[in-house]
């Protein structure tokens, strides 16, 4: 009986009807002839309510299931599917109230559907997580009404389901084609002109504008009407490391996603491309001490190992120790490698403190320093000023923006490759830089 009352709820139509009867009884005080008819209507309403109760509670009229994917992709829209089956012989209306994980801070979820008798339907909704970790779903609450629509019965399903949020594997798959088809081009993907070549011969093809004239095959040209050139493959099995700074400078959020999460998503997408290109891939995280370290390898299981390492990375509140990073690289990575360093500098003085260590690392390896534009400041600097104080603030914002470009030039002056990018363009710019370095034969 207690469970019955816990599951019983009243629809707005019930309370509206009660209000109407109250008014009718009040009016019947002066119009006494209608008093008996009002009682008859009230009795009919009571019988109708009891019929609605019997219709909803004589059997379980609804079966529902929340279907979650194996894992969520961070910063991407993930679909959650709900399957509903009407087990009654009449049409039912269902209000779904989902207890979404607390990380989303979303407490107004409601979805309404109608299900024909003995039919099964499915509905879905999307969630965009911005933090890695475990997400717990509460009850899937379903409030079922019959065509009478006076009362409703509550059902609960799938309590405490858990799903893990991993670095963006959707973004990784998005750029996966770059490793298998060199002919595809799209906005944001640069076509890199090949400067040099290795000694790994691939095929003879017709000359097109931009090919190195030193690769002309004169014997093949003599046998054909057009000029023929030798085509060479990129060098393979080169060690490549993604190095992620997890200090406080990477805690800054853009579009609700921290810089360290942008770096993690980019690392996964970039590592996938490099593995498909037959290179060895590894990763390293550091702040005031060395964090996760995975030696470079080209094994098929390496991408899963990288994903597991990236899942547990989080930012610290301390400054990063680039001297410690230099010592660790000197001791652990002895072969010349491509190092993609994800960090951030907001002021020239912060770069100057770390520049000696970056120069020392670049002498032994091909170092690419990746840091971020402050897109919020850039957006603010382009707004129309409203008063003198805003003009002053915009001048400072422009100075900060120009400092970023100056820092990039300063790094390039010392022979260090740089990527200065907006956070949302990080993955594609990182992949472009990798393809450029491979094409130019810098490694």
Protein backbone atom coordinates (compact mmCIF):
# COMPACT_ATOMS: atom_id res chain seq x y z
CA UNK A 1 0.00 0.00 0.00
CA UNK A 2 2.86 2.38 0.81
CA UNK A 3 4.40 1.66 -2.57
CA UNK A 4 1.04 2.40 -4.21
CA UNK A 5 0.82 5.89 -2.68
CA UNK A 6 4.48 6.58 -3.50
CA UNK A 7 3.76 5.84 -7.16
CA UNK A 8 0.48 7.79 -7.36
CA UNK A 9 0.55 11.33 -8.73
CA UNK A 10 -2.18 13.66 -9.99
CA UNK A 11 -2.23 15.44 -13.32
CA UNK A 12 -3.22 19.14 -13.68
CA UNK A 13 -6.56 18.02 -15.19
CA UNK A 14 -7.49 16.44 -11.83
CA UNK A 15 -6.91 19.66 -9.89
CA UNK A 16 -8.69 21.75 -12.51
CA UNK A 17 -11.70 19.42 -12.21
CA UNK A 18 -11.68 19.73 -8.41
CA UNK A 19 -11.64 23.53 -8.80
CA UNK A 20 -14.59 23.42 -11.21
CA UNK A 21 -16.63 21.29 -8.78
CA UNK A 22 -15.85 23.68 -5.94
CA UNK A 23 -17.19 26.57 -8.00
CA UNK A 24 -20.30 24.58 -8.99
CA UNK A 25 -21.09 23.68 -5.39
CA UNK A 26 -20.67 27.33 -4.46
CA UNK A 27 -23.04 28.44 -7.22
CA UNK A 28 -25.57 25.75 -6.19
CA UNK A 29 -25.98 27.54 -2.86
CA UNK A 30 -27.97 30.17 -4.74
CA UNK A 31 -29.22 27.98 -7.58
CA UNK A 32 -30.49 25.03 -5.56
CA UNK A 33 -32.01 23.12 -8.51
CA UNK A 34 -28.55 22.32 -9.89
CA UNK A 35 -27.29 20.94 -6.56
CA UNK A 36 -28.35 17.35 -7.32
CA UNK A 37 -26.84 17.46 -10.80
CA UNK A 38 -23.53 18.69 -9.43
CA UNK A 39 -23.46 15.69 -7.10
CA UNK A 40 -24.11 13.36 -10.03
CA UNK A 41 -21.23 14.95 -11.95
CA UNK A 42 -19.00 14.62 -8.88
CA UNK A 43 -19.89 10.94 -8.57
CA UNK A 44 -19.14 10.39 -12.27
CA UNK A 45 -15.81 12.17 -11.80
CA UNK A 46 -14.98 9.91 -8.84
CA UNK A 47 -15.81 6.78 -10.85
CA UNK A 48 -13.70 8.06 -13.75
CA UNK A 49 -10.78 8.64 -11.38
CA UNK A 50 -11.11 5.11 -9.97
CA UNK A 51 -11.22 3.72 -13.52
CA UNK A 52 -8.01 5.61 -14.30
CA UNK A 53 -6.37 4.15 -11.18
CA UNK A 54 -7.40 0.60 -12.13
CA UNK A 55 -6.22 1.12 -15.71
CA UNK A 56 -2.75 2.23 -14.60
CA UNK A 57 -2.20 -0.02 -11.58
CA UNK A 58 -3.73 -3.35 -12.55
CA UNK A 59 -0.53 -4.19 -14.45
CA UNK A 60 2.85 -2.75 -15.25
CA UNK A 61 2.06 -0.81 -18.39
CA UNK A 62 5.60 0.42 -19.13
CA UNK A 63 9.04 -1.09 -19.48
CA UNK A 64 11.97 1.27 -20.06
CA UNK A 65 15.73 0.98 -20.36
CA UNK A 66 18.51 3.55 -20.54
CA UNK A 67 21.24 2.38 -22.94
CA UNK A 68 24.63 3.98 -22.37
CA UNK A 69 27.67 3.65 -24.64
CA UNK A 70 30.76 1.88 -23.31
CA UNK A 71 32.44 5.25 -22.75
CA UNK A 72 31.87 8.94 -23.37
CA UNK A 73 34.14 11.13 -25.49
CA UNK A 74 35.29 14.24 -23.67
CA UNK A 75 34.22 17.61 -25.15
CA UNK A 76 32.02 15.89 -27.76
CA UNK A 77 28.27 15.35 -27.95
CA UNK A 78 27.51 11.80 -26.78
CA UNK A 79 24.17 10.13 -27.39
CA UNK A 80 22.16 8.42 -24.63
CA UNK A 81 19.38 6.16 -25.88
CA UNK A 82 16.16 5.30 -24.02
CA UNK A 83 13.94 2.40 -25.14
CA UNK A 84 10.28 2.41 -24.07
CA UNK A 85 7.74 -0.41 -24.43
CA UNK A 86 4.00 0.01 -23.87
CA UNK A 87 2.67 -3.25 -22.37
CA UNK A 88 -0.89 -1.97 -22.00
CA UNK A 89 -3.75 -2.32 -24.49
CA UNK A 90 -4.34 1.45 -24.61
CA UNK A 91 -2.23 4.40 -25.69
CA UNK A 92 -0.15 5.89 -22.88
CA UNK A 93 1.58 9.24 -22.43
CA UNK A 94 4.99 9.23 -20.74
CA UNK A 95 6.94 12.02 -19.07
CA UNK A 96 10.63 11.11 -18.71
CA UNK A 97 12.63 12.86 -15.99
CA UNK A 98 16.27 11.85 -16.13
CA UNK A 99 18.64 12.11 -13.16
CA UNK A 100 21.67 13.27 -15.13
CA UNK A 101 25.16 13.09 -13.49
CA UNK A 102 25.98 15.98 -11.17
CA UNK A 103 28.90 17.09 -13.37
CA UNK A 104 26.44 18.51 -15.88
CA UNK A 105 24.48 20.53 -13.26
CA UNK A 106 21.33 19.99 -15.34
CA UNK A 107 18.18 19.65 -13.28
CA UNK A 108 15.48 20.56 -15.77
CA UNK A 109 15.54 17.51 -18.04
CA UNK A 110 12.08 16.40 -19.15
CA UNK A 111 10.97 14.61 -22.29
CA UNK A 112 7.37 13.75 -23.26
CA UNK A 113 6.40 10.91 -25.61
CA UNK A 114 3.25 9.03 -26.58
CA UNK A 115 3.34 5.27 -27.15
CA UNK A 116 0.65 3.34 -29.08
CA UNK A 117 -0.70 0.15 -27.44
CA UNK A 118 1.68 -2.83 -27.40
CA UNK A 119 4.36 -0.83 -29.26
CA UNK A 120 8.05 -0.17 -28.60
CA UNK A 121 9.75 3.15 -29.36
CA UNK A 122 13.12 4.71 -28.66
CA UNK A 123 14.23 8.26 -27.97
CA UNK A 124 17.61 9.84 -27.30
CA UNK A 125 19.33 12.95 -26.03
CA UNK A 126 22.89 14.27 -26.10
CA UNK A 127 25.39 15.15 -23.36
CA UNK A 128 28.68 17.04 -23.74
CA UNK A 129 31.06 16.31 -20.84
CA UNK A 130 33.99 18.66 -20.22
CA UNK A 131 35.80 16.62 -17.56
CA UNK A 132 37.29 13.15 -17.62
CA UNK A 133 36.29 10.63 -14.95
CA UNK A 134 33.35 8.52 -13.81
CA UNK A 135 29.80 9.82 -14.35
CA UNK A 136 26.96 8.29 -12.33
CA UNK A 137 23.39 8.38 -13.68
CA UNK A 138 20.57 8.26 -11.11
CA UNK A 139 17.03 7.00 -11.68
CA UNK A 140 15.27 7.10 -15.00
CA UNK A 141 11.86 8.33 -13.81
CA UNK A 142 8.84 7.71 -16.03
CA UNK A 143 5.40 9.14 -15.24
CA UNK A 144 2.69 7.26 -17.17
CA UNK A 145 -0.79 8.62 -17.91
CA UNK A 146 -3.73 6.92 -19.59
CA UNK A 147 -6.02 8.63 -22.15
CA UNK A 148 -8.23 9.73 -19.20
CA UNK A 149 -5.23 11.77 -17.98
CA UNK A 150 -6.41 12.41 -14.41
CA UNK A 151 -3.64 10.61 -12.56
CA UNK A 152 -0.21 9.25 -13.40
CA UNK A 153 1.93 6.41 -12.15
CA UNK A 154 5.65 6.70 -11.53
CA UNK A 155 8.13 4.03 -12.61
CA UNK A 156 11.87 4.08 -11.90
CA UNK A 157 14.50 2.27 -13.96
CA UNK A 158 18.30 1.89 -14.27
CA UNK A 159 19.42 3.34 -10.95
CA UNK A 160 23.13 4.24 -10.54
CA UNK A 161 24.48 3.42 -13.99
CA UNK A 162 28.10 4.49 -14.50
CA UNK A 163 29.98 5.54 -17.63
CA UNK A 164 33.60 6.68 -17.93
CA UNK A 165 34.55 9.80 -19.88
CA UNK A 166 37.75 9.29 -21.89
CA UNK A 167 39.81 11.73 -23.99
CA UNK A 168 38.13 12.61 -27.26
CA UNK A 169 38.20 9.40 -29.34
CA UNK A 170 35.54 10.96 -31.60
CA UNK A 171 38.03 13.69 -32.54
CA UNK A 172 40.66 11.01 -33.08
CA UNK A 173 38.43 9.17 -35.55
CA UNK A 174 37.55 12.46 -37.26
CA UNK A 175 41.17 12.93 -38.42
CA UNK A 176 41.88 9.23 -38.91
CA UNK A 177 41.59 9.50 -42.71
CA UNK A 178 44.76 11.61 -42.87
CA UNK A 179 46.83 8.52 -42.22
CA UNK A 180 45.36 6.47 -45.07
CA UNK A 181 44.51 8.86 -47.89
CA UNK A 182 46.93 11.58 -48.94
CA UNK A 183 44.63 12.86 -51.68
CA UNK A 184 41.89 14.11 -49.41
CA UNK A 185 41.90 17.80 -48.55
CA UNK A 186 39.49 19.89 -46.54
CA UNK A 187 39.36 23.30 -44.90
CA UNK A 188 42.06 23.51 -42.26
CA UNK A 189 44.21 20.68 -43.63
CA UNK A 190 47.27 21.99 -45.44
CA UNK A 191 48.89 20.35 -48.43
CA UNK A 192 52.59 20.30 -47.54
CA UNK A 193 55.10 20.53 -50.36
CA UNK A 194 57.81 17.91 -49.92
CA UNK A 195 61.27 19.53 -49.67
CA UNK A 196 63.45 16.46 -49.52
CA UNK A 197 63.09 12.68 -49.62
CA UNK A 198 64.46 9.57 -48.04
CA UNK A 199 66.13 6.67 -49.78
CA UNK A 200 63.02 4.48 -49.38
CA UNK A 201 61.78 4.24 -52.99
CA UNK A 202 58.04 3.87 -53.55
CA UNK A 203 57.15 4.37 -57.25
CA UNK A 204 57.74 6.27 -60.52
CA UNK A 205 55.07 8.85 -61.41
CA UNK A 206 54.50 11.75 -63.77
CA UNK A 207 56.02 15.11 -62.81
CA UNK A 208 53.65 17.73 -61.42
CA UNK A 209 54.43 21.30 -60.43
CA UNK A 210 56.11 21.39 -57.02
CA UNK A 211 57.98 18.08 -57.35
CA UNK A 212 61.72 18.17 -56.66
CA UNK A 213 63.49 18.29 -60.05
CA UNK A 214 66.36 16.33 -58.51
CA UNK A 215 64.10 13.27 -58.45
CA UNK A 216 63.62 13.19 -62.25
CA UNK A 217 64.17 9.67 -63.59
CA UNK A 218 65.79 10.35 -66.98
CA UNK A 219 65.61 6.75 -68.18
CA UNK A 220 61.86 6.56 -67.51
CA UNK A 221 61.40 10.02 -69.07
CA UNK A 222 63.11 8.84 -72.27
CA UNK A 223 60.57 6.01 -72.58
CA UNK A 224 57.49 8.21 -72.01
CA UNK A 225 56.14 11.38 -73.52
CA UNK A 226 56.11 13.27 -70.19
CA UNK A 227 58.65 13.86 -67.46
CA UNK A 228 58.79 11.06 -64.89
CA UNK A 229 60.03 11.40 -61.31
CA UNK A 230 60.88 8.98 -58.52
CA UNK A 231 58.58 9.09 -55.51
CA UNK A 232 59.93 8.21 -52.09
CA UNK A 233 58.22 7.22 -48.88
CA UNK A 234 58.50 9.05 -45.59
CA UNK A 235 60.94 7.61 -43.11
CA UNK A 236 59.16 5.35 -40.65
CA UNK A 237 59.66 4.17 -37.07
CA UNK A 238 60.82 7.58 -35.89
CA UNK A 239 60.28 8.23 -32.16
CA UNK A 240 57.68 10.90 -31.42
CA UNK A 241 56.65 12.07 -27.96
CA UNK A 242 53.74 14.20 -26.78
CA UNK A 243 54.77 16.11 -23.65
CA UNK A 244 51.93 17.66 -21.63
CA UNK A 245 52.51 20.39 -19.08
CA UNK A 246 50.06 19.78 -16.19
CA UNK A 247 50.94 22.85 -14.11
CA UNK A 248 48.54 25.65 -13.15
CA UNK A 249 49.00 27.45 -16.52
CA UNK A 250 47.05 24.61 -18.18
CA UNK A 251 44.07 24.97 -15.86
CA UNK A 252 42.61 27.93 -17.79
CA UNK A 253 39.23 27.02 -19.38
CA UNK A 254 38.00 27.95 -22.86
CA UNK A 255 34.48 26.88 -23.90
CA UNK A 256 34.22 25.10 -20.52
CA UNK A 257 37.20 22.86 -21.38
CA UNK A 258 40.57 23.25 -19.65
CA UNK A 259 43.71 23.70 -21.74
CA UNK A 260 45.09 20.43 -20.42
CA UNK A 261 42.02 18.63 -21.84
CA UNK A 262 42.54 20.28 -25.23
CA UNK A 263 46.14 19.01 -25.08
CA UNK A 264 45.00 15.51 -24.10
CA UNK A 265 42.45 15.32 -26.93
CA UNK A 266 45.07 16.55 -29.40
CA UNK A 267 47.63 14.03 -28.13
CA UNK A 268 45.25 11.14 -28.75
CA UNK A 269 44.32 12.30 -32.27
CA UNK A 270 47.92 13.10 -33.20
CA UNK A 271 49.27 9.82 -31.77
CA UNK A 272 46.75 7.86 -33.82
CA UNK A 273 47.92 9.56 -37.03
CA UNK A 274 51.58 9.00 -36.19
CA UNK A 275 51.00 5.30 -35.48
CA UNK A 276 49.16 4.91 -38.80
CA UNK A 277 52.23 6.52 -40.41
CA UNK A 278 54.30 3.70 -38.83
CA UNK A 279 56.14 5.99 -36.39
CA UNK A 280 56.88 5.18 -32.76
CA UNK A 281 54.70 7.13 -30.35
CA UNK A 282 55.10 7.85 -26.65
CA UNK A 283 53.92 10.41 -24.11
CA UNK A 284 55.04 12.22 -20.98
CA UNK A 285 53.36 14.54 -18.47
CA UNK A 286 55.12 16.83 -16.02
CA UNK A 287 54.65 19.78 -13.67
CA UNK A 288 56.82 20.23 -10.55
CA UNK A 289 57.68 16.54 -10.97
CA UNK A 290 57.52 13.95 -13.73
CA UNK A 291 54.09 12.36 -14.05
CA UNK A 292 53.06 9.66 -16.53
CA UNK A 293 55.76 8.36 -18.88
CA UNK A 294 55.27 5.89 -21.73
CA UNK A 295 58.27 4.99 -23.96
CA UNK A 296 57.75 5.33 -27.70
CA UNK A 297 56.57 2.22 -29.52
CA UNK A 298 54.83 1.35 -32.78
CA UNK A 299 52.94 -1.68 -31.42
CA UNK A 300 49.24 -2.01 -32.17
CA UNK A 301 48.42 -1.82 -28.45
CA UNK A 302 50.26 1.49 -27.98
CA UNK A 303 47.22 3.67 -28.67
CA UNK A 304 45.22 1.93 -25.93
CA UNK A 305 48.14 2.36 -23.52
CA UNK A 306 48.28 6.08 -24.37
CA UNK A 307 44.51 6.39 -23.84
CA UNK A 308 44.81 4.78 -20.40
CA UNK A 309 47.66 7.13 -19.45
CA UNK A 310 45.77 10.22 -20.65
CA UNK A 311 42.63 9.27 -18.74
CA UNK A 312 44.32 9.85 -15.36
CA UNK A 313 46.11 13.13 -16.12
CA UNK A 314 45.00 16.24 -14.26
CA UNK A 315 46.42 19.70 -13.61
CA UNK A 316 48.30 20.76 -10.48
CA UNK A 317 48.38 24.14 -8.78
CA UNK A 318 52.19 24.44 -8.86
CA UNK A 319 54.57 25.83 -11.50
CA UNK A 320 56.23 23.45 -13.94
CA UNK A 321 59.93 22.56 -13.64
CA UNK A 322 61.44 22.64 -17.13
CA UNK A 323 64.87 21.85 -15.68
CA UNK A 324 63.50 18.57 -14.35
CA UNK A 325 61.96 17.89 -17.77
CA UNK A 326 65.31 18.49 -19.51
CA UNK A 327 67.10 16.11 -17.10
CA UNK A 328 64.47 13.41 -17.59
CA UNK A 329 64.59 13.68 -21.40
CA UNK A 330 68.40 13.54 -21.37
CA UNK A 331 68.33 10.38 -19.25
CA UNK A 332 65.36 8.53 -20.79
CA UNK A 333 65.20 9.61 -24.46
CA UNK A 334 68.65 9.17 -25.98
CA UNK A 335 67.62 8.87 -29.64
CA UNK A 336 66.85 12.05 -31.59
CA UNK A 337 63.06 12.42 -31.45
CA UNK A 338 60.22 14.72 -32.32
CA UNK A 339 58.90 16.31 -29.11
CA UNK A 340 55.47 17.99 -29.17
CA UNK A 341 55.43 20.09 -26.00
CA UNK A 342 51.96 21.30 -24.92
CA UNK A 343 52.32 24.23 -22.54
CA UNK A 344 51.27 27.86 -22.22
CA UNK A 345 52.95 31.23 -21.70
CA UNK A 346 50.89 34.27 -20.79
CA UNK A 347 53.80 36.66 -20.33
CA UNK A 348 57.21 37.16 -21.95
CA UNK A 349 58.99 36.84 -18.61
CA UNK A 350 57.58 33.33 -18.12
CA UNK A 351 59.01 32.29 -21.51
CA UNK A 352 62.40 33.85 -20.78
CA UNK A 353 62.70 31.83 -17.56
CA UNK A 354 62.22 28.57 -19.46
CA UNK A 355 64.02 29.49 -22.70
CA UNK A 356 67.47 28.13 -21.66
CA UNK A 357 65.94 24.69 -21.02
CA UNK A 358 63.97 24.76 -24.28
CA UNK A 359 67.13 25.67 -26.22
CA UNK A 360 69.03 22.82 -24.54
CA UNK A 361 66.26 20.32 -25.43
CA UNK A 362 66.12 21.52 -29.06
CA UNK A 363 69.84 20.82 -29.53
CA UNK A 364 69.25 17.09 -29.10
CA UNK A 365 65.71 16.77 -30.46
CA UNK A 366 63.25 18.39 -32.84
CA UNK A 367 61.21 20.42 -30.37
CA UNK A 368 57.78 21.87 -31.19
CA UNK A 369 56.45 24.21 -28.49
CA UNK A 370 52.66 24.41 -28.63
CA UNK A 371 50.98 27.21 -26.72
CA UNK A 372 47.63 28.94 -26.88
CA UNK A 373 46.06 32.19 -27.99
CA UNK A 374 43.86 33.82 -25.40
CA UNK A 375 40.75 33.91 -27.58
CA UNK A 376 38.69 35.66 -24.91
CA UNK A 377 41.13 38.57 -24.80
CA UNK A 378 41.28 38.72 -28.58
CA UNK A 379 37.50 38.79 -28.77
CA UNK A 380 37.35 41.55 -26.14
CA UNK A 381 40.00 43.63 -27.96
CA UNK A 382 37.87 43.67 -31.12
CA UNK A 383 34.68 44.91 -29.45
CA UNK A 384 33.46 48.47 -29.84
CA UNK A 385 34.63 50.47 -26.78
CA UNK A 386 31.95 52.22 -24.77
CA UNK A 387 34.04 54.48 -22.54
CA UNK A 388 37.59 55.50 -21.69
CA UNK A 389 38.04 52.65 -19.19
CA UNK A 390 37.15 50.09 -21.88
CA UNK A 391 39.68 51.67 -24.28
CA UNK A 392 42.37 51.31 -21.60
CA UNK A 393 41.44 47.66 -20.98
CA UNK A 394 41.38 46.88 -24.72
CA UNK A 395 44.85 48.43 -25.11
CA UNK A 396 46.18 46.04 -22.46
CA UNK A 397 44.39 43.12 -24.15
CA UNK A 398 46.00 44.01 -27.51
CA UNK A 399 49.39 44.15 -25.78
CA UNK A 400 48.88 40.66 -24.38
CA UNK A 401 47.85 39.42 -27.84
CA UNK A 402 50.95 40.92 -29.46
CA UNK A 403 53.14 39.41 -26.74
CA UNK A 404 51.98 35.95 -27.82
CA UNK A 405 53.20 36.55 -31.39
CA UNK A 406 56.45 38.01 -30.07
CA UNK A 407 57.03 34.85 -27.98
CA UNK A 408 56.46 32.68 -31.06
CA UNK A 409 59.02 34.73 -33.00
CA UNK A 410 61.48 34.51 -30.10
CA UNK A 411 61.26 30.71 -30.07
CA UNK A 412 61.67 30.48 -33.84
CA UNK A 413 64.72 32.75 -33.63
CA UNK A 414 66.43 30.07 -31.53
CA UNK A 415 65.51 27.29 -33.98
CA UNK A 416 62.53 25.99 -32.01
CA UNK A 417 59.41 25.06 -33.97
CA UNK A 418 56.24 26.69 -32.62
CA UNK A 419 52.48 26.40 -32.86
CA UNK A 420 50.46 29.35 -31.58
CA UNK A 421 46.87 28.27 -31.87
CA UNK A 422 43.34 28.86 -30.65
CA UNK A 423 42.33 25.98 -28.34
CA UNK A 424 39.59 24.74 -30.68
CA UNK A 425 42.09 24.47 -33.60
CA UNK A 426 44.76 22.65 -31.60
CA UNK A 427 44.37 19.14 -33.04
CA UNK A 428 44.37 20.10 -36.71
CA UNK A 429 47.30 22.53 -36.28
CA UNK A 430 49.32 19.89 -34.43
CA UNK A 431 48.70 17.31 -37.15
CA UNK A 432 49.61 19.84 -39.85
CA UNK A 433 52.91 20.62 -38.10
CA UNK A 434 53.71 16.90 -37.83
CA UNK A 435 53.01 16.37 -41.54
CA UNK A 436 55.13 19.43 -42.36
CA UNK A 437 58.09 18.16 -40.34
CA UNK A 438 57.80 14.74 -41.99
CA UNK A 439 57.62 16.33 -45.45
CA UNK A 440 60.62 18.58 -44.85
CA UNK A 441 62.67 15.74 -43.42
CA UNK A 442 63.62 17.70 -40.29
CA UNK A 443 63.67 14.66 -38.04
